[in-house]
PDB file of N, CA and C in Angstrom:
ATOM      1  N   MET A   1     -30.628 -52.772  -0.989  1.00  0.00           N
ATOM      2  CA  MET A   1     -32.078 -52.359  -1.154  1.00  0.00           C
ATOM      3  C   MET A   1     -32.198 -51.403  -2.072  1.00  0.00           C
ATOM      4  N   SER A   2     -33.382 -51.339  -2.785  1.00  0.00           N
ATOM      5  CA  SER A   2     -33.402 -49.857  -3.756  1.00  0.00           C
ATOM      6  C   SER A   2     -33.906 -48.928  -2.591  1.00  0.00           C
ATOM      7  N   ILE A   3     -33.795 -47.710  -3.623  1.00  0.00           N
ATOM      8  CA  ILE A   3     -34.516 -46.304  -2.631  1.00  0.00           C
ATOM      9  C   ILE A   3     -36.048 -46.480  -2.438  1.00  0.00           C
ATOM     10  N   VAL A   4     -36.537 -47.274  -3.502  1.00  0.00           N
ATOM     11  CA  VAL A   4     -38.145 -47.368  -3.063  1.00  0.00           C
ATOM     12  C   VAL A   4     -38.168 -48.443  -1.833  1.00  0.00           C
ATOM     13  N   ALA A   5     -37.384 -49.440  -1.742  1.00  0.00           N
ATOM     14  CA  ALA A   5     -37.602 -50.265  -0.467  1.00  0.00           C
ATOM     15  C   ALA A   5     -37.392 -49.589   0.706  1.00  0.00           C
ATOM     16  N   TRP A   6     -35.983 -48.571   0.663  1.00  0.00           N
ATOM     17  CA  TRP A   6     -36.022 -47.783   1.946  1.00  0.00           C
ATOM     18  C   TRP A   6     -36.910 -46.938   2.129  1.00  0.00           C
ATOM     19  N   LEU A   7     -37.519 -46.349   1.499  1.00  0.00           N
ATOM     20  CA  LEU A   7     -38.764 -45.388   1.575  1.00  0.00           C
ATOM     21  C   LEU A   7     -40.037 -46.288   2.195  1.00  0.00           C
ATOM     22  N   VAL A   8     -40.115 -47.535   1.709  1.00  0.00           N
ATOM     23  CA  VAL A   8     -41.213 -48.208   2.108  1.00  0.00           C
ATOM     24  C   VAL A   8     -40.815 -48.579   3.686  1.00  0.00           C
ATOM     25  N   LEU A   9     -39.689 -49.096   3.774  1.00  0.00           N
ATOM     26  CA  LEU A   9     -39.100 -49.565   5.370  1.00  0.00           C
ATOM     27  C   LEU A   9     -39.432 -48.168   5.966  1.00  0.00           C
ATOM     28  N   GLY A  10     -38.972 -47.111   5.535  1.00  0.00           N
ATOM     29  CA  GLY A  10     -38.654 -45.948   6.553  1.00  0.00           C
ATOM     30  C   GLY A  10     -40.442 -45.482   6.965  1.00  0.00           C
ATOM     31  N   LEU A  11     -41.151 -45.663   5.906  1.00  0.00           N
ATOM     32  CA  LEU A  11     -42.770 -45.051   6.247  1.00  0.00           C
ATOM     33  C   LEU A  11     -43.185 -46.250   7.116  1.00  0.00           C
ATOM     34  N   LEU A  12     -43.115 -47.690   6.988  1.00  0.00           N
ATOM     35  CA  LEU A  12     -43.566 -48.511   7.629  1.00  0.00           C
ATOM     36  C   LEU A  12     -42.979 -48.457   9.120  1.00  0.00           C
ATOM     37  N   ALA A  13     -41.825 -48.413   9.351  1.00  0.00           N
ATOM     38  CA  ALA A  13     -41.016 -48.290  10.563  1.00  0.00           C
ATOM     39  C   ALA A  13     -41.333 -47.102  11.308  1.00  0.00           C
ATOM     40  N   GLY A  14     -41.329 -45.722  10.741  1.00  0.00           N
ATOM     41  CA  GLY A  14     -42.002 -44.616  11.492  1.00  0.00           C
ATOM     42  C   GLY A  14     -43.487 -44.848  11.596  1.00  0.00           C
ATOM     43  N   ALA A  15     -44.288 -45.441  11.091  1.00  0.00           N
ATOM     44  CA  ALA A  15     -45.810 -45.653  11.366  1.00  0.00           C
ATOM     45  C   ALA A  15     -46.027 -46.483  12.919  1.00  0.00           C
ATOM     46  N   ILE A  16     -45.041 -47.568  12.545  1.00  0.00           N
ATOM     47  CA  ILE A  16     -44.860 -48.953  13.542  1.00  0.00           C
ATOM     48  C   ILE A  16     -44.475 -48.130  15.287  1.00  0.00           C
ATOM     49  N   ALA A  17     -43.264 -47.147  14.859  1.00  0.00           N
ATOM     50  CA  ALA A  17     -42.957 -46.256  15.922  1.00  0.00           C
ATOM     51  C   ALA A  17     -43.994 -45.497  16.539  1.00  0.00           C
ATOM     52  N   LYS A  18     -44.808 -44.835  15.760  1.00  0.00           N
ATOM     53  CA  LYS A  18     -45.539 -43.811  16.387  1.00  0.00           C
ATOM     54  C   LYS A  18     -46.911 -44.713  16.979  1.00  0.00           C
ATOM     55  N   VAL A  19     -47.345 -46.026  16.538  1.00  0.00           N
ATOM     56  CA  VAL A  19     -48.351 -46.694  17.497  1.00  0.00           C
ATOM     57  C   VAL A  19     -47.441 -47.074  18.407  1.00  0.00           C
ATOM     58  N   ILE A  20     -46.506 -47.735  18.878  1.00  0.00           N
ATOM     59  CA  ILE A  20     -45.982 -47.940  19.940  1.00  0.00           C
ATOM     60  C   ILE A  20     -45.653 -46.840  20.743  1.00  0.00           C
ATOM     61  N   LEU A  21     -45.358 -45.627  20.381  1.00  0.00           N
ATOM     62  CA  LEU A  21     -45.477 -44.141  21.167  1.00  0.00           C
ATOM     63  C   LEU A  21     -46.273 -43.103  20.628  1.00  0.00           C
ATOM     64  N   PRO A  22     -47.523 -43.679  21.013  1.00  0.00           N
ATOM     65  CA  PRO A  22     -48.518 -42.691  20.562  1.00  0.00           C
ATOM     66  C   PRO A  22     -48.420 -40.962  21.016  1.00  0.00           C
ATOM     67  N   GLY A  23     -48.874 -40.201  20.149  1.00  0.00           N
ATOM     68  CA  GLY A  23     -48.782 -38.683  20.800  1.00  0.00           C
ATOM     69  C   GLY A  23     -49.199 -37.762  19.705  1.00  0.00           C
ATOM     70  N   ARG A  24     -49.361 -36.360  19.642  1.00  0.00           N
ATOM     71  CA  ARG A  24     -49.329 -35.606  18.744  1.00  0.00           C
ATOM     72  C   ARG A  24     -48.281 -35.255  18.348  1.00  0.00           C
ATOM     73  N   ASP A  25     -47.784 -35.769  17.358  1.00  0.00           N
ATOM     74  CA  ASP A  25     -46.419 -35.019  16.897  1.00  0.00           C
ATOM     75  C   ASP A  25     -46.770 -34.417  15.346  1.00  0.00           C
ATOM     76  N   PRO A  26     -46.183 -33.304  15.095  1.00  0.00           N
ATOM     77  CA  PRO A  26     -46.444 -32.619  13.636  1.00  0.00           C
ATOM     78  C   PRO A  26     -45.609 -33.582  12.567  1.00  0.00           C
ATOM     79  N   GLY A  27     -46.043 -33.461  11.719  1.00  0.00           N
ATOM     80  CA  GLY A  27     -45.559 -33.901  10.263  1.00  0.00           C
ATOM     81  C   GLY A  27     -46.225 -34.759   9.506  1.00  0.00           C
ATOM     82  N   GLY A  28     -47.253 -35.499   9.923  1.00  0.00           N
ATOM     83  CA  GLY A  28     -47.882 -36.022   9.078  1.00  0.00           C
ATOM     84  C   GLY A  28     -47.459 -37.424   8.509  1.00  0.00           C
ATOM     85  N   CYS A  29     -47.957 -37.918   7.298  1.00  0.00           N
ATOM     86  CA  CYS A  29     -47.220 -38.821   6.565  1.00  0.00           C
ATOM     87  C   CYS A  29     -45.721 -38.418   5.945  1.00  0.00           C
ATOM     88  N   VAL A  30     -45.417 -37.291   5.776  1.00  0.00           N
ATOM     89  CA  VAL A  30     -43.953 -37.027   5.270  1.00  0.00           C
ATOM     90  C   VAL A  30     -43.003 -36.946   6.653  1.00  0.00           C
ATOM     91  N   GLY A  31     -43.667 -36.630   7.630  1.00  0.00           N
ATOM     92  CA  GLY A  31     -42.826 -36.587   8.850  1.00  0.00           C
ATOM     93  C   GLY A  31     -42.752 -38.080   9.339  1.00  0.00           C
ATOM     94  N   THR A  32     -43.600 -38.708   9.260  1.00  0.00           N
ATOM     95  CA  THR A  32     -43.723 -40.258   9.486  1.00  0.00           C
ATOM     96  C   THR A  32     -42.379 -40.896   8.917  1.00  0.00           C
ATOM     97  N   THR A  33     -42.700 -40.496   7.374  1.00  0.00           N
ATOM     98  CA  THR A  33     -41.714 -41.239   6.591  1.00  0.00           C
ATOM     99  C   THR A  33     -40.403 -40.751   6.974  1.00  0.00           C
ATOM    100  N   VAL A  34     -40.015 -39.484   6.966  1.00  0.00           N
ATOM    101  CA  VAL A  34     -38.673 -39.045   7.482  1.00  0.00           C
ATOM    102  C   VAL A  34     -37.974 -39.495   8.572  1.00  0.00           C
ATOM    103  N   THR A  35     -38.948 -39.587   9.601  1.00  0.00           N
ATOM    104  CA  THR A  35     -38.699 -40.337  11.052  1.00  0.00           C
ATOM    105  C   THR A  35     -38.038 -41.593  10.885  1.00  0.00           C
ATOM    106  N   GLY A  36     -39.033 -42.307  10.046  1.00  0.00           N
ATOM    107  CA  GLY A  36     -38.593 -43.850  10.006  1.00  0.00           C
ATOM    108  C   GLY A  36     -37.387 -43.883   9.121  1.00  0.00           C
ATOM    109  N   ILE A  37     -37.221 -43.448   8.036  1.00  0.00           N
ATOM    110  CA  ILE A  37     -36.021 -43.545   6.850  1.00  0.00           C
ATOM    111  C   ILE A  37     -34.750 -42.861   8.059  1.00  0.00           C
ATOM    112  N   ALA A  38     -34.730 -41.561   8.649  1.00  0.00           N
ATOM    113  CA  ALA A  38     -33.583 -41.349   9.611  1.00  0.00           C
ATOM    114  C   ALA A  38     -33.469 -42.474  10.698  1.00  0.00           C
ATOM    115  N   GLY A  39     -34.611 -43.029  11.409  1.00  0.00           N
ATOM    116  CA  GLY A  39     -34.359 -44.021  12.271  1.00  0.00           C
ATOM    117  C   GLY A  39     -33.903 -45.344  11.662  1.00  0.00           C
ATOM    118  N   ALA A  40     -34.315 -45.392  10.679  1.00  0.00           N
ATOM    119  CA  ALA A  40     -33.425 -46.854   9.852  1.00  0.00           C
ATOM    120  C   ALA A  40     -31.931 -46.984   9.890  1.00  0.00           C
ATOM    121  N   PHE A  41     -31.492 -45.574   9.353  1.00  0.00           N
ATOM    122  CA  PHE A  41     -30.293 -45.148   9.208  1.00  0.00           C
ATOM    123  C   PHE A  41     -29.703 -45.246  10.814  1.00  0.00           C
ATOM    124  N   LEU A  42     -29.976 -44.655  11.764  1.00  0.00           N
ATOM    125  CA  LEU A  42     -29.828 -44.437  13.100  1.00  0.00           C
ATOM    126  C   LEU A  42     -29.652 -45.742  13.661  1.00  0.00           C
ATOM    127  N   GLY A  43     -30.565 -46.382  13.645  1.00  0.00           N
ATOM    128  CA  GLY A  43     -30.624 -48.051  14.154  1.00  0.00           C
ATOM    129  C   GLY A  43     -29.608 -48.856  13.598  1.00  0.00           C
ATOM    130  N   GLY A  44     -29.399 -48.897  12.263  1.00  0.00           N
ATOM    131  CA  GLY A  44     -28.680 -49.514  11.352  1.00  0.00           C
ATOM    132  C   GLY A  44     -26.939 -49.049  11.910  1.00  0.00           C
ATOM    133  N   TRP A  45     -26.819 -47.832  12.116  1.00  0.00           N
ATOM    134  CA  TRP A  45     -25.509 -47.559  12.595  1.00  0.00           C
ATOM    135  C   TRP A  45     -25.176 -48.036  14.142  1.00  0.00           C
ATOM    136  N   LEU A  46     -26.377 -47.890  15.041  1.00  0.00           N
ATOM    137  CA  LEU A  46     -26.492 -48.231  16.080  1.00  0.00           C
ATOM    138  C   LEU A  46     -26.145 -49.691  16.374  1.00  0.00           C
ATOM    139  N   SER A  47     -26.739 -50.529  15.711  1.00  0.00           N
ATOM    140  CA  SER A  47     -26.565 -52.283  15.538  1.00  0.00           C
ATOM    141  C   SER A  47     -25.272 -52.131  15.408  1.00  0.00           C
ATOM    142  N   ALA A  48     -24.425 -51.538  14.377  1.00  0.00           N
ATOM    143  CA  ALA A  48     -23.252 -52.047  13.990  1.00  0.00           C
ATOM    144  C   ALA A  48     -21.817 -51.788  14.962  1.00  0.00           C
ATOM    145  N   ALA A  49     -22.321 -50.569  15.630  1.00  0.00           N
ATOM    146  CA  ALA A  49     -21.372 -49.777  16.403  1.00  0.00           C
ATOM    147  C   ALA A  49     -21.498 -50.526  17.771  1.00  0.00           C
ATOM    148  N   LEU A  50     -22.485 -50.748  18.182  1.00  0.00           N
ATOM    149  CA  LEU A  50     -22.555 -50.966  19.473  1.00  0.00           C
ATOM    150  C   LEU A  50     -22.956 -52.536  19.889  1.00  0.00           C
ATOM    151  N   LEU A  51     -23.799 -52.986  18.870  1.00  0.00           N
ATOM    152  CA  LEU A  51     -24.054 -54.773  19.151  1.00  0.00           C
ATOM    153  C   LEU A  51     -23.106 -55.448  18.111  1.00  0.00           C
ATOM    154  N   ASP A  52     -22.195 -54.960  17.648  1.00  0.00           N
ATOM    155  CA  ASP A  52     -21.279 -55.331  16.612  1.00  0.00           C
ATOM    156  C   ASP A  52     -21.948 -56.442  15.398  1.00  0.00           C
ATOM    157  N   ARG A  53     -23.305 -55.930  14.984  1.00  0.00           N
ATOM    158  CA  ARG A  53     -23.872 -56.613  14.339  1.00  0.00           C
ATOM    159  C   ARG A  53     -24.589 -55.968  13.346  1.00  0.00           C
ATOM    160  N   PRO A  54     -23.656 -55.563  12.259  1.00  0.00           N
ATOM    161  CA  PRO A  54     -24.138 -54.956  10.748  1.00  0.00           C
ATOM    162  C   PRO A  54     -25.507 -55.710  10.301  1.00  0.00           C
ATOM    163  N   VAL A  55     -26.380 -54.698  10.075  1.00  0.00           N
ATOM    164  CA  VAL A  55     -27.479 -55.027   9.590  1.00  0.00           C
ATOM    165  C   VAL A  55     -27.554 -55.572   8.059  1.00  0.00           C
ATOM    166  N   ARG A  56     -28.074 -56.391   7.601  1.00  0.00           N
ATOM    167  CA  ARG A  56     -28.231 -56.968   6.294  1.00  0.00           C
ATOM    168  C   ARG A  56     -28.999 -55.986   5.430  1.00  0.00           C
ATOM    169  N   ARG A  57     -28.588 -56.218   4.324  1.00  0.00           N
ATOM    170  CA  ARG A  57     -29.578 -55.246   3.387  1.00  0.00           C
ATOM    171  C   ARG A  57     -30.892 -56.208   2.684  1.00  0.00           C
ATOM    172  N   ASP A  58     -31.318 -57.066   3.492  1.00  0.00           N
ATOM    173  CA  ASP A  58     -32.469 -57.595   3.068  1.00  0.00           C
ATOM    174  C   ASP A  58     -33.700 -56.949   3.779  1.00  0.00           C
ATOM    175  N   PHE A  59     -34.557 -56.856   2.699  1.00  0.00           N
ATOM    176  CA  PHE A  59     -35.805 -56.070   2.895  1.00  0.00           C
ATOM    177  C   PHE A  59     -36.707 -56.742   4.239  1.00  0.00           C
ATOM    178  N   PHE A  60     -36.668 -58.164   4.150  1.00  0.00           N
ATOM    179  CA  PHE A  60     -37.373 -59.227   5.059  1.00  0.00           C
ATOM    180  C   PHE A  60     -36.581 -59.688   6.074  1.00  0.00           C
ATOM    181  N   ASP A  61     -35.661 -58.965   6.536  1.00  0.00           N
ATOM    182  CA  ASP A  61     -34.557 -59.209   7.753  1.00  0.00           C
ATOM    183  C   ASP A  61     -35.084 -58.725   9.134  1.00  0.00           C
ATOM    184  N   ALA A  62     -35.074 -59.398   9.895  1.00  0.00           N
ATOM    185  CA  ALA A  62     -35.668 -58.761  11.263  1.00  0.00           C
ATOM    186  C   ALA A  62     -35.062 -58.042  11.915  1.00  0.00           C
ATOM    187  N   ALA A  63     -33.466 -58.231  12.021  1.00  0.00           N
ATOM    188  CA  ALA A  63     -32.884 -57.041  12.284  1.00  0.00           C
ATOM    189  C   ALA A  63     -32.898 -56.046  11.639  1.00  0.00           C
ATOM    190  N   THR A  64     -32.929 -56.071  10.464  1.00  0.00           N
ATOM    191  CA  THR A  64     -33.293 -54.619   9.595  1.00  0.00           C
ATOM    192  C   THR A  64     -34.569 -53.949  10.278  1.00  0.00           C
ATOM    193  N   TRP A  65     -35.568 -54.517  10.373  1.00  0.00           N
ATOM    194  CA  TRP A  65     -36.591 -53.808  10.814  1.00  0.00           C
ATOM    195  C   TRP A  65     -36.828 -53.702  12.433  1.00  0.00           C
ATOM    196  N   GLY A  66     -36.426 -54.233  13.195  1.00  0.00           N
ATOM    197  CA  GLY A  66     -36.003 -54.254  14.416  1.00  0.00           C
ATOM    198  C   GLY A  66     -35.079 -53.055  14.981  1.00  0.00           C
ATOM    199  N   SER A  67     -33.904 -52.734  14.029  1.00  0.00           N
ATOM    200  CA  SER A  67     -33.003 -51.824  14.294  1.00  0.00           C
ATOM    201  C   SER A  67     -34.130 -50.446  13.885  1.00  0.00           C
ATOM    202  N   ALA A  68     -34.560 -50.312  12.679  1.00  0.00           N
ATOM    203  CA  ALA A  68     -35.338 -49.322  11.882  1.00  0.00           C
ATOM    204  C   ALA A  68     -36.542 -48.890  13.181  1.00  0.00           C
ATOM    205  N   ILE A  69     -37.066 -49.593  13.607  1.00  0.00           N
ATOM    206  CA  ILE A  69     -38.124 -49.414  14.422  1.00  0.00           C
ATOM    207  C   ILE A  69     -37.728 -48.920  15.628  1.00  0.00           C
ATOM    208  N   ALA A  70     -36.608 -49.232  16.235  1.00  0.00           N
ATOM    209  CA  ALA A  70     -35.902 -49.014  17.420  1.00  0.00           C
ATOM    210  C   ALA A  70     -35.309 -47.510  17.214  1.00  0.00           C
ATOM    211  N   GLY A  71     -34.749 -47.286  16.064  1.00  0.00           N
ATOM    212  CA  GLY A  71     -33.982 -45.926  15.752  1.00  0.00           C
ATOM    213  C   GLY A  71     -34.989 -45.061  15.590  1.00  0.00           C
ATOM    214  N   ALA A  72     -36.199 -45.098  14.990  1.00  0.00           N
ATOM    215  CA  ALA A  72     -37.391 -44.321  15.319  1.00  0.00           C
ATOM    216  C   ALA A  72     -37.858 -44.193  16.051  1.00  0.00           C
ATOM    217  N   LEU A  73     -37.971 -44.884  16.876  1.00  0.00           N
ATOM    218  CA  LEU A  73     -38.340 -44.558  18.621  1.00  0.00           C
ATOM    219  C   LEU A  73     -37.155 -43.699  19.140  1.00  0.00           C
ATOM    220  N   VAL A  74     -36.171 -43.937  19.151  1.00  0.00           N
ATOM    221  CA  VAL A  74     -35.221 -43.073  19.629  1.00  0.00           C
ATOM    222  C   VAL A  74     -35.492 -41.808  19.206  1.00  0.00           C
ATOM    223  N   LEU A  75     -35.420 -41.403  17.746  1.00  0.00           N
ATOM    224  CA  LEU A  75     -35.870 -40.205  17.337  1.00  0.00           C
ATOM    225  C   LEU A  75     -37.110 -39.550  17.887  1.00  0.00           C
ATOM    226  N   LEU A  76     -38.136 -40.432  18.124  1.00  0.00           N
ATOM    227  CA  LEU A  76     -39.484 -39.585  18.416  1.00  0.00           C
ATOM    228  C   LEU A  76     -39.237 -39.248  20.089  1.00  0.00           C
ATOM    229  N   ILE A  77     -38.445 -40.014  20.852  1.00  0.00           N
ATOM    230  CA  ILE A  77     -38.245 -39.897  22.147  1.00  0.00           C
ATOM    231  C   ILE A  77     -37.280 -38.471  22.333  1.00  0.00           C
ATOM    232  N   GLY A  78     -36.418 -38.344  21.603  1.00  0.00           N
ATOM    233  CA  GLY A  78     -35.604 -37.246  21.372  1.00  0.00           C
ATOM    234  C   GLY A  78     -35.965 -36.190  21.210  1.00  0.00           C
ATOM    235  N   TYR A  79     -37.180 -36.174  20.141  1.00  0.00           N
ATOM    236  CA  TYR A  79     -37.853 -35.089  19.821  1.00  0.00           C
ATOM    237  C   TYR A  79     -38.953 -34.552  20.714  1.00  0.00           C
ATOM    238  N   ARG A  80     -39.528 -35.517  21.521  1.00  0.00           N
ATOM    239  CA  ARG A  80     -40.404 -35.055  22.660  1.00  0.00           C
ATOM    240  C   ARG A  80     -39.523 -34.595  23.587  1.00  0.00           C
ATOM    241  N   LEU A  81     -38.500 -35.169  23.773  1.00  0.00           N
ATOM    242  CA  LEU A  81     -37.634 -34.339  25.188  1.00  0.00           C
ATOM    243  C   LEU A  81     -37.052 -33.080  24.781  1.00  0.00           C
ATOM    244  N   LEU A  82     -36.833 -33.027  23.369  1.00  0.00           N
ATOM    245  CA  LEU A  82     -36.559 -31.524  23.369  1.00  0.00           C
ATOM    246  C   LEU A  82     -37.446 -30.385  23.169  1.00  0.00           C
ATOM    247  N   PHE A  83     -38.312 -30.873  22.203  1.00  0.00           N
ATOM    248  CA  PHE A  83     -39.905 -29.926  21.980  1.00  0.00           C
ATOM    249  C   PHE A  83     -41.074 -30.244  22.674  1.00  0.00           C
ATOM    250  N   GLY A  84     -41.193 -31.282  23.692  1.00  0.00           N
ATOM    251  CA  GLY A  84     -42.632 -31.637  24.215  1.00  0.00           C
ATOM    252  C   GLY A  84     -43.674 -31.635  23.115  1.00  0.00           C
ATOM    253  N   ASP A  85     -44.769 -31.844  23.962  1.00  0.00           N
ATOM    254  CA  ASP A  85     -46.201 -31.926  23.033  1.00  0.00           C
ATOM    255  C   ASP A  85     -46.203 -30.321  22.296  1.00  0.00           C
ATOM    256  N   SER A  86     -45.742 -30.418  21.168  1.00  0.00           N
ATOM    257  CA  SER A  86     -45.504 -28.816  20.706  1.00  0.00           C
ATOM    258  C   SER A  86     -46.923 -28.565  20.074  1.00  0.00           C
ATOM    259  N   ARG A  87     -48.028 -29.742  19.945  1.00  0.00           N
ATOM    260  CA  ARG A  87     -49.413 -29.119  19.381  1.00  0.00           C
ATOM    261  C   ARG A  87     -50.578 -29.255  20.181  1.00  0.00           C
ATOM    262  N   ASP A  88     -50.075 -28.453  21.438  1.00  0.00           N
ATOM    263  CA  ASP A  88     -51.128 -28.346  22.731  1.00  0.00           C
ATOM    264  C   ASP A  88     -51.939 -26.845  22.097  1.00  0.00           C
TER     265      ASP A  88
END
């Protein structure tokens, strides 16, 4: 996938993760994109390391999307455990 495809995947995966796990997280669109991209990399690594299923490089692959969203959820949960709801 190209860099633009990773950015789009990250933006959408981060947005889907925030819809699944709603809350007042800082960052806005940029934070969502960064969380999604980092989550995509984390999810891909976890998929390859723990499930012995490396993620394909296709944009429309369900495993790619699932691992990206799962990785973004892991990052959001980790952020909330460390910092709580910091926008109170």
